[in-house]
């Protein structure tokens, strides 16, 4: 967005803070606000009736969420939880819809973002349906490394503290299966995993797993 568009939007927004592991909203709740993540990271997930979690996406600074309910007026389609301390911009439905009516270019950019979110969901379904666990987990780590990683002397450090259960929820596998695979990769020197921090030491080898080799 242009600076003048951002300034106009900010006049209708307010900044909120959320501590780590705080639920911003639950699936099924009424949704009348859009969130822009200014700092921190969140996860978007669904819970089964048995309490099993499926993580649909991980978002970082600059990402937008809550836009579906904002546009269609229907209840929230997923639960959003902060993974660390977050700072967010909150914009009400009425103000944002009126803003979109005045700025067609922003509406087109929002459609592009929604399309990308749909492609991500399609990739998730493909991974769960057609790839075995090492490939699914390697694809996830490659993606996290690209989006949240930083290059350190030891390798690419993923800047997220994710438990083995959360990693399992992202790839549709049990914590035990993820633990076994991470341990095997750690023993082979492919990566390090300590206290929730993953460092990819052999990106080329992980890429081969991602390709199903």
C-alpha atoms as a PDB file:
ATOM      1  CA  UNK A   1       0.000   0.000   0.000  1.00  0.00           C
ATOM      2  CA  UNK A   2       1.008   3.616  -0.561  1.00  0.00           C
ATOM      3  CA  UNK A   3       1.993   5.761   2.414  1.00  0.00           C
ATOM      4  CA  UNK A   4      -1.201   7.816   2.159  1.00  0.00           C
ATOM      5  CA  UNK A   5      -3.321   4.638   2.139  1.00  0.00           C
ATOM      6  CA  UNK A   6      -1.493   3.325   5.188  1.00  0.00           C
ATOM      7  CA  UNK A   7      -1.980   6.646   7.000  1.00  0.00           C
ATOM      8  CA  UNK A   8      -5.713   6.605   6.199  1.00  0.00           C
ATOM      9  CA  UNK A   9      -6.080   3.037   7.417  1.00  0.00           C
ATOM     10  CA  UNK A  10      -4.178   3.743  10.616  1.00  0.00           C
ATOM     11  CA  UNK A  11      -6.714   6.423  11.525  1.00  0.00           C
ATOM     12  CA  UNK A  12      -9.289   3.651  11.889  1.00  0.00           C
ATOM     13  CA  UNK A  13      -7.026   1.125  13.641  1.00  0.00           C
ATOM     14  CA  UNK A  14      -5.748   0.509  17.139  1.00  0.00           C
ATOM     15  CA  UNK A  15      -2.670  -1.326  18.398  1.00  0.00           C
ATOM     16  CA  UNK A  16      -3.007  -4.207  20.846  1.00  0.00           C
ATOM     17  CA  UNK A  17      -0.501  -6.425  22.655  1.00  0.00           C
ATOM     18  CA  UNK A  18      -0.789 -10.181  23.177  1.00  0.00           C
ATOM     19  CA  UNK A  19       1.487 -12.320  25.388  1.00  0.00           C
ATOM     20  CA  UNK A  20       2.922 -15.623  24.201  1.00  0.00           C
ATOM     21  CA  UNK A  21       0.481 -18.567  24.041  1.00  0.00           C
ATOM     22  CA  UNK A  22      -2.542 -16.267  24.096  1.00  0.00           C
ATOM     23  CA  UNK A  23      -5.613 -17.213  22.019  1.00  0.00           C
ATOM     24  CA  UNK A  24      -6.616 -14.194  19.935  1.00  0.00           C
ATOM     25  CA  UNK A  25      -9.835 -15.835  18.788  1.00  0.00           C
ATOM     26  CA  UNK A  26     -11.442 -19.285  18.535  1.00  0.00           C
ATOM     27  CA  UNK A  27     -12.917 -21.005  15.494  1.00  0.00           C
ATOM     28  CA  UNK A  28     -16.672 -20.433  15.469  1.00  0.00           C
ATOM     29  CA  UNK A  29     -16.568 -17.028  17.137  1.00  0.00           C
ATOM     30  CA  UNK A  30     -18.126 -13.995  15.471  1.00  0.00           C
ATOM     31  CA  UNK A  31     -15.494 -12.101  13.526  1.00  0.00           C
ATOM     32  CA  UNK A  32     -15.639  -8.373  12.925  1.00  0.00           C
ATOM     33  CA  UNK A  33     -11.963  -7.397  12.976  1.00  0.00           C
ATOM     34  CA  UNK A  34      -8.894  -7.754  10.774  1.00  0.00           C
ATOM     35  CA  UNK A  35      -5.454  -8.264  12.355  1.00  0.00           C
ATOM     36  CA  UNK A  36      -2.100  -7.086  11.010  1.00  0.00           C
ATOM     37  CA  UNK A  37       0.849  -8.676  12.789  1.00  0.00           C
ATOM     38  CA  UNK A  38       3.394  -5.944  13.551  1.00  0.00           C
ATOM     39  CA  UNK A  39       5.756  -8.052  15.663  1.00  0.00           C
ATOM     40  CA  UNK A  40       5.834 -11.654  16.864  1.00  0.00           C
ATOM     41  CA  UNK A  41       4.476 -14.891  15.439  1.00  0.00           C
ATOM     42  CA  UNK A  42       1.125 -16.711  15.561  1.00  0.00           C
ATOM     43  CA  UNK A  43      -0.249 -20.082  14.540  1.00  0.00           C
ATOM     44  CA  UNK A  44      -3.551 -20.736  12.784  1.00  0.00           C
ATOM     45  CA  UNK A  45      -5.078 -24.064  13.787  1.00  0.00           C
ATOM     46  CA  UNK A  46      -8.151 -26.250  14.029  1.00  0.00           C
ATOM     47  CA  UNK A  47      -9.175 -28.581  16.866  1.00  0.00           C
ATOM     48  CA  UNK A  48     -11.042 -31.851  16.395  1.00  0.00           C
ATOM     49  CA  UNK A  49     -13.826 -32.884  18.777  1.00  0.00           C
ATOM     50  CA  UNK A  50     -11.233 -35.153  20.442  1.00  0.00           C
ATOM     51  CA  UNK A  51      -8.947 -32.161  21.041  1.00  0.00           C
ATOM     52  CA  UNK A  52      -6.417 -33.030  18.328  1.00  0.00           C
ATOM     53  CA  UNK A  53      -4.804 -29.932  16.837  1.00  0.00           C
ATOM     54  CA  UNK A  54      -4.032 -29.412  13.153  1.00  0.00           C
ATOM     55  CA  UNK A  55      -1.831 -26.377  12.492  1.00  0.00           C
ATOM     56  CA  UNK A  56      -2.736 -24.780   9.169  1.00  0.00           C
ATOM     57  CA  UNK A  57      -0.192 -21.982   9.041  1.00  0.00           C
ATOM     58  CA  UNK A  58       2.468 -20.013  10.903  1.00  0.00           C
ATOM     59  CA  UNK A  59       2.506 -16.239  10.391  1.00  0.00           C
ATOM     60  CA  UNK A  60       5.069 -13.548  11.167  1.00  0.00           C
ATOM     61  CA  UNK A  61       5.441  -9.770  11.149  1.00  0.00           C
ATOM     62  CA  UNK A  62       3.679  -8.157   8.194  1.00  0.00           C
ATOM     63  CA  UNK A  63       1.160 -10.959   7.741  1.00  0.00           C
ATOM     64  CA  UNK A  64      -2.600 -10.371   7.855  1.00  0.00           C
ATOM     65  CA  UNK A  65      -5.262 -12.681   9.282  1.00  0.00           C
ATOM     66  CA  UNK A  66      -8.931 -12.583  10.174  1.00  0.00           C
ATOM     67  CA  UNK A  67      -9.791 -11.248   6.725  1.00  0.00           C
ATOM     68  CA  UNK A  68     -12.229 -14.036   5.796  1.00  0.00           C
ATOM     69  CA  UNK A  69     -14.747 -13.276   8.536  1.00  0.00           C
ATOM     70  CA  UNK A  70     -14.191  -9.580   7.960  1.00  0.00           C
ATOM     71  CA  UNK A  71     -15.294  -9.869   4.332  1.00  0.00           C
ATOM     72  CA  UNK A  72     -18.056 -12.490   4.447  1.00  0.00           C
ATOM     73  CA  UNK A  73     -19.432 -11.760   7.931  1.00  0.00           C
ATOM     74  CA  UNK A  74     -19.351 -15.466   8.878  1.00  0.00           C
ATOM     75  CA  UNK A  75     -17.819 -16.925  12.074  1.00  0.00           C
ATOM     76  CA  UNK A  76     -14.074 -17.429  12.407  1.00  0.00           C
ATOM     77  CA  UNK A  77     -12.923 -20.482  10.430  1.00  0.00           C
ATOM     78  CA  UNK A  78      -9.907 -21.261  12.651  1.00  0.00           C
ATOM     79  CA  UNK A  79      -8.270 -20.512  15.994  1.00  0.00           C
ATOM     80  CA  UNK A  80      -5.310 -18.115  16.170  1.00  0.00           C
ATOM     81  CA  UNK A  81      -2.777 -18.354  19.017  1.00  0.00           C
ATOM     82  CA  UNK A  82       0.332 -16.257  19.635  1.00  0.00           C
ATOM     83  CA  UNK A  83       3.576 -18.248  19.714  1.00  0.00           C
ATOM     84  CA  UNK A  84       5.469 -15.385  21.337  1.00  0.00           C
ATOM     85  CA  UNK A  85       4.765 -11.865  22.560  1.00  0.00           C
ATOM     86  CA  UNK A  86       2.948 -10.068  19.731  1.00  0.00           C
ATOM     87  CA  UNK A  87       2.045  -6.531  18.717  1.00  0.00           C
ATOM     88  CA  UNK A  88      -0.935  -6.252  16.397  1.00  0.00           C
ATOM     89  CA  UNK A  89      -2.974  -3.730  14.490  1.00  0.00           C
ATOM     90  CA  UNK A  90      -6.736  -4.227  14.851  1.00  0.00           C
ATOM     91  CA  UNK A  91      -9.163  -2.853  12.244  1.00  0.00           C
ATOM     92  CA  UNK A  92     -12.957  -3.118  12.478  1.00  0.00           C
ATOM     93  CA  UNK A  93     -15.067  -4.591   9.674  1.00  0.00           C
ATOM     94  CA  UNK A  94     -17.114  -1.510   8.823  1.00  0.00           C
ATOM     95  CA  UNK A  95     -14.084   0.772   8.582  1.00  0.00           C
ATOM     96  CA  UNK A  96     -12.098  -1.715   6.509  1.00  0.00           C
ATOM     97  CA  UNK A  97     -14.904  -2.469   4.033  1.00  0.00           C
ATOM     98  CA  UNK A  98     -15.425   1.234   3.433  1.00  0.00           C
ATOM     99  CA  UNK A  99     -11.665   1.623   2.946  1.00  0.00           C
ATOM    100  CA  UNK A 100     -11.633  -1.162   0.324  1.00  0.00           C
ATOM    101  CA  UNK A 101     -14.473   0.526  -1.564  1.00  0.00           C
ATOM    102  CA  UNK A 102     -12.330   3.645  -1.867  1.00  0.00           C
ATOM    103  CA  UNK A 103      -9.102   1.792  -2.790  1.00  0.00           C
ATOM    104  CA  UNK A 104      -9.543  -0.873  -5.466  1.00  0.00           C
ATOM    105  CA  UNK A 105      -5.787  -1.539  -5.638  1.00  0.00           C
ATOM    106  CA  UNK A 106      -5.740  -2.606  -1.981  1.00  0.00           C
ATOM    107  CA  UNK A 107      -8.740  -4.881  -2.621  1.00  0.00           C
ATOM    108  CA  UNK A 108      -6.836  -6.547  -5.483  1.00  0.00           C
ATOM    109  CA  UNK A 109      -3.793  -7.042  -3.255  1.00  0.00           C
ATOM    110  CA  UNK A 110      -6.015  -8.614  -0.621  1.00  0.00           C
ATOM    111  CA  UNK A 111      -7.446 -11.004  -3.227  1.00  0.00           C
ATOM    112  CA  UNK A 112      -3.893 -11.958  -4.186  1.00  0.00           C
ATOM    113  CA  UNK A 113      -3.071 -12.652  -0.528  1.00  0.00           C
ATOM    114  CA  UNK A 114      -6.197 -14.799  -0.178  1.00  0.00           C
ATOM    115  CA  UNK A 115      -5.247 -16.714  -3.324  1.00  0.00           C
ATOM    116  CA  UNK A 116      -1.783 -17.361  -1.898  1.00  0.00           C
ATOM    117  CA  UNK A 117      -3.363 -18.593   1.343  1.00  0.00           C
ATOM    118  CA  UNK A 118      -5.487 -21.005  -0.736  1.00  0.00           C
ATOM    119  CA  UNK A 119      -2.416 -22.263  -2.591  1.00  0.00           C
ATOM    120  CA  UNK A 120      -0.730 -22.878   0.750  1.00  0.00           C
ATOM    121  CA  UNK A 121      -3.741 -24.888   1.906  1.00  0.00           C
ATOM    122  CA  UNK A 122      -3.672 -26.896  -1.328  1.00  0.00           C
ATOM    123  CA  UNK A 123       0.011 -27.669  -0.763  1.00  0.00           C
ATOM    124  CA  UNK A 124      -0.787 -28.772   2.779  1.00  0.00           C
ATOM    125  CA  UNK A 125      -3.454 -31.180   1.541  1.00  0.00           C
ATOM    126  CA  UNK A 126      -1.072 -32.514  -1.123  1.00  0.00           C
ATOM    127  CA  UNK A 127       1.702 -33.083   1.418  1.00  0.00           C
ATOM    128  CA  UNK A 128      -0.591 -34.922   3.822  1.00  0.00           C
ATOM    129  CA  UNK A 129      -2.111 -37.024   1.042  1.00  0.00           C
ATOM    130  CA  UNK A 130       0.823 -37.991  -1.151  1.00  0.00           C
ATOM    131  CA  UNK A 131       4.090 -37.741   0.812  1.00  0.00           C
ATOM    132  CA  UNK A 132       5.561 -39.863   3.586  1.00  0.00           C
ATOM    133  CA  UNK A 133       6.658 -38.347   6.911  1.00  0.00           C
ATOM    134  CA  UNK A 134      10.349 -37.598   6.137  1.00  0.00           C
ATOM    135  CA  UNK A 135       9.303 -35.730   2.995  1.00  0.00           C
ATOM    136  CA  UNK A 136       6.507 -33.827   4.770  1.00  0.00           C
ATOM    137  CA  UNK A 137       8.749 -32.866   7.669  1.00  0.00           C
ATOM    138  CA  UNK A 138      11.625 -31.854   5.377  1.00  0.00           C
ATOM    139  CA  UNK A 139       9.265 -29.677   3.286  1.00  0.00           C
ATOM    140  CA  UNK A 140       8.018 -28.011   6.456  1.00  0.00           C
ATOM    141  CA  UNK A 141      11.539 -27.302   7.725  1.00  0.00           C
ATOM    142  CA  UNK A 142      12.616 -25.944   4.335  1.00  0.00           C
ATOM    143  CA  UNK A 143       9.606 -23.627   4.306  1.00  0.00           C
ATOM    144  CA  UNK A 144      10.212 -22.477   7.899  1.00  0.00           C
ATOM    145  CA  UNK A 145      13.875 -21.932   7.090  1.00  0.00           C
ATOM    146  CA  UNK A 146      12.988 -19.702   4.135  1.00  0.00           C
ATOM    147  CA  UNK A 147      10.356 -17.690   6.009  1.00  0.00           C
ATOM    148  CA  UNK A 148      11.744 -17.524   9.544  1.00  0.00           C
ATOM    149  CA  UNK A 149      15.368 -18.625   9.234  1.00  0.00           C
ATOM    150  CA  UNK A 150      18.636 -16.768   9.641  1.00  0.00           C
ATOM    151  CA  UNK A 151      22.079 -17.895   8.535  1.00  0.00           C
ATOM    152  CA  UNK A 152      24.412 -18.665  11.439  1.00  0.00           C
ATOM    153  CA  UNK A 153      27.892 -20.240  11.464  1.00  0.00           C
ATOM    154  CA  UNK A 154      26.337 -23.596  12.394  1.00  0.00           C
ATOM    155  CA  UNK A 155      23.717 -23.441   9.626  1.00  0.00           C
ATOM    156  CA  UNK A 156      20.229 -22.028   9.032  1.00  0.00           C
ATOM    157  CA  UNK A 157      18.548 -21.389  12.379  1.00  0.00           C
ATOM    158  CA  UNK A 158      14.757 -21.417  12.313  1.00  0.00           C
ATOM    159  CA  UNK A 159      13.598 -18.500  14.441  1.00  0.00           C
ATOM    160  CA  UNK A 160      10.654 -20.306  16.005  1.00  0.00           C
ATOM    161  CA  UNK A 161      10.459 -22.348  19.176  1.00  0.00           C
ATOM    162  CA  UNK A 162       8.233 -25.248  18.165  1.00  0.00           C
ATOM    163  CA  UNK A 163       7.595 -28.313  20.279  1.00  0.00           C
ATOM    164  CA  UNK A 164       7.697 -31.753  18.683  1.00  0.00           C
ATOM    165  CA  UNK A 165       3.939 -31.941  19.194  1.00  0.00           C
ATOM    166  CA  UNK A 166       3.470 -28.679  17.252  1.00  0.00           C
ATOM    167  CA  UNK A 167       5.722 -29.954  14.468  1.00  0.00           C
ATOM    168  CA  UNK A 168       3.624 -33.116  14.388  1.00  0.00           C
ATOM    169  CA  UNK A 169       0.435 -31.054  14.190  1.00  0.00           C
ATOM    170  CA  UNK A 170       1.896 -29.216  11.205  1.00  0.00           C
ATOM    171  CA  UNK A 171       2.684 -32.393   9.250  1.00  0.00           C
ATOM    172  CA  UNK A 172      -0.132 -34.665  10.446  1.00  0.00           C
ATOM    173  CA  UNK A 173       2.025 -37.027  12.501  1.00  0.00           C
ATOM    174  CA  UNK A 174       2.443 -38.061  16.121  1.00  0.00           C
ATOM    175  CA  UNK A 175       4.988 -36.435  18.431  1.00  0.00           C
ATOM    176  CA  UNK A 176       6.747 -39.795  18.724  1.00  0.00           C
ATOM    177  CA  UNK A 177       7.162 -40.115  14.951  1.00  0.00           C
ATOM    178  CA  UNK A 178       8.528 -36.574  14.669  1.00  0.00           C
ATOM    179  CA  UNK A 179      10.906 -37.206  17.577  1.00  0.00           C
ATOM    180  CA  UNK A 180      12.224 -40.359  15.896  1.00  0.00           C
ATOM    181  CA  UNK A 181      12.831 -38.591  12.586  1.00  0.00           C
ATOM    182  CA  UNK A 182      14.481 -35.527  14.154  1.00  0.00           C
ATOM    183  CA  UNK A 183      16.712 -37.767  16.236  1.00  0.00           C
ATOM    184  CA  UNK A 184      17.772 -39.721  13.144  1.00  0.00           C
ATOM    185  CA  UNK A 185      18.589 -36.503  11.271  1.00  0.00           C
ATOM    186  CA  UNK A 186      20.453 -35.116  14.276  1.00  0.00           C
ATOM    187  CA  UNK A 187      22.540 -38.295  14.549  1.00  0.00           C
ATOM    188  CA  UNK A 188      23.435 -38.053  10.858  1.00  0.00           C
ATOM    189  CA  UNK A 189      24.490 -34.405  11.268  1.00  0.00           C
ATOM    190  CA  UNK A 190      21.710 -33.055   9.048  1.00  0.00           C
ATOM    191  CA  UNK A 191      20.338 -30.751  11.767  1.00  0.00           C
ATOM    192  CA  UNK A 192      20.421 -29.812  15.437  1.00  0.00           C
ATOM    193  CA  UNK A 193      17.317 -29.643  17.633  1.00  0.00           C
ATOM    194  CA  UNK A 194      17.645 -28.278  21.158  1.00  0.00           C
ATOM    195  CA  UNK A 195      14.978 -26.662  23.377  1.00  0.00           C
ATOM    196  CA  UNK A 196      12.649 -26.106  20.445  1.00  0.00           C
ATOM    197  CA  UNK A 197      15.274 -24.446  18.214  1.00  0.00           C
ATOM    198  CA  UNK A 198      16.138 -26.165  14.930  1.00  0.00           C
ATOM    199  CA  UNK A 199      19.364 -25.497  13.023  1.00  0.00           C
ATOM    200  CA  UNK A 200      19.553 -26.978   9.524  1.00  0.00           C
ATOM    201  CA  UNK A 201      23.184 -27.922   8.942  1.00  0.00           C
ATOM    202  CA  UNK A 202      22.869 -29.694   5.582  1.00  0.00           C
ATOM    203  CA  UNK A 203      20.332 -27.844   3.464  1.00  0.00           C
ATOM    204  CA  UNK A 204      21.099 -29.886   0.340  1.00  0.00           C
ATOM    205  CA  UNK A 205      20.457 -33.182   2.142  1.00  0.00           C
ATOM    206  CA  UNK A 206      17.203 -31.887   3.638  1.00  0.00           C
ATOM    207  CA  UNK A 207      16.135 -30.742   0.170  1.00  0.00           C
ATOM    208  CA  UNK A 208      16.589 -34.288  -1.136  1.00  0.00           C
ATOM    209  CA  UNK A 209      14.286 -35.583   1.617  1.00  0.00           C
ATOM    210  CA  UNK A 210      11.767 -32.868   0.689  1.00  0.00           C
ATOM    211  CA  UNK A 211      11.799 -34.126  -2.896  1.00  0.00           C
ATOM    212  CA  UNK A 212      11.103 -37.659  -1.662  1.00  0.00           C
ATOM    213  CA  UNK A 213      14.549 -38.999  -2.552  1.00  0.00           C
END
